[in-house]
Structure formats: C-alpha cells, structure tokens
Amino acid sequence: MSSEERHRIILNILENKGSVLVTELVSQFKVSEMTIRRDLVALERKRLLRRVHGGAVSDRGRSYEPPFLSRSTLGQAEKERIGKLAAELIHSGESIALDVGTTTLEVARSLVEKQNLTVITPCFPIASMLCDNHSIRLILTGGILRPTELSMIGHLAERVFEEFYVDKLILAAAGIDFETGLTEYNLEDTLVKRAMIRHAKQVILVADATKFNRVAFTAIAPVNVVNTVVTDRSIDPSTVAKLQELNIDVMLA
C-alpha cells in the first residue's frame, strides 16, 4: 500500500473516530512504527491532523474544509480512475454541470478531448482546464470567490444554475450517509449544489470510498436524488447494496 493510500485511510479514521493510536495503525497497515510516525508528521505539516503522545487527533469540526490544494494530493490514483470512468458517461451534444471538487476536476481532465459539449461550472480550475477546447461551450458562473476552494458562491452563482436545465450534473459531496444524506462543509457551496440538482435531468455523484458513512456540516439533499454513483473498488459491499436498493446505479473504477 502506498503512503498516499495510508494517508487517506488515516484521515478517514480521524473523521469518524476523532483520534487514533500509532499501535492501531501499525496493526492495520502491517508496517513499522517509524513508517506510521512519518505518515503522521507528513499529515500534520499539511495541517490535516494534530499529533499527540502515542497517536494523532483531529481538532477539526464538521464545518472544517481542508483546502482544495491539500485535498488534491489525497487518493489521487482513485480520483483519476473515477474521473475517467465518469467521463465515459458524457456524450457529444450534452449539457453538463460540473461541481467544485478534486474528483470533479479529474472528470474535467478526461473531458479535455471531448467534442460538442456545453459545460457550466463554478470552479476556476475546471474552467481553466477546459478553456482551450473550442468545441466546448464553457460557462463560468459569476459570484463571490472562495480563495481556498477556487470556486464561486453566492446568489449570482446560484442564479446561473437556475437559468439552465442540464442533461447531467457531475456532483461532489464531503459526506454521504444513508440517514443524513449528502452533506458538505460550507453552507454557501451547499446552496449552489442544491440549485444544480434542481435543474439536472440526471445526477452523477463522483466520490471515493472514504466519503461514505461520513457526515459533514450542511445538508445538500437525500441520497436518493442521485441516479449514478461512480466510486472506487475499496467501497464496502454493504454500501453498494444499500445504494442499489435505492435504485442507484453503482460504477466501480
């Protein structure tokens, strides 16, 4: 297992439990104590956890959102596979809403060579990635810039999505829980996502397996607004079964 994959799992444990012991991680990953301590140091330098005697704790509440650039380095291989698979669901002539997120950015990367699309996004990195393809009609929403997320929020961003009806929405979420629903860190982002969902014919959720059974700060919508989930193969089979019970198609990258 790569260090990147261990980091992703460690952060998921902290998200759910709030703390973890070095000895627990040594046992789980079958690596040396020194390796785990290096992992914790690396994550602390990114301000993703706080080391304590014998382990680490999360000192972040549910409303804390790790910066876009920090998240983009976690689970990169899984996100790339998810992005490529989700892009296969998008066809020439369609209109697409692309949400903000590091996984939706990977979807955009796989759309660069696509032809005859209309893409609406509140995300600057996505717009920058697609702007050189002149066969894609690109609409970047207005609004208030969130510097750490490189995205647009506020009434103007919401209003843009109220003006259009798209074929497909590629949606991201901070947490996916069957009781709580889809959740996000930031209220303003959540309001934009709700507008996207209301005006999309089909909702495709892209999320790696660590996002499931997690609850963030603000509620976006029930899980059953989603038509298709694209995730990675480490997802728990029982979670896949629950999604399928809701008539949600599940694609494993």
Foldseek 3Di string as FASTA:
>chain_A
DDLLQLLLVVLLCQLPPFWDFLVVSCVVVVDDSVSSVVSVVVCVVQVSWADDVGTTGRPDALLDDRFQVVVLSHPVVFLLVLLLVVLVVDAAQFEEEQEFHNSSLSVLLNCQPHAHYEYEYQAPSSCVNNVVPPRYNYHHWAADADVRRRGHFDDRLLVVLLVAAGAEYEDEAQAAEQVQAGHHNDPRSLSNLLSNLVRYPAYEYEDEQSRYPGHGDGGNDHNLSHAEYEYAPVHDVVVVVVCVVSNHHYHHD
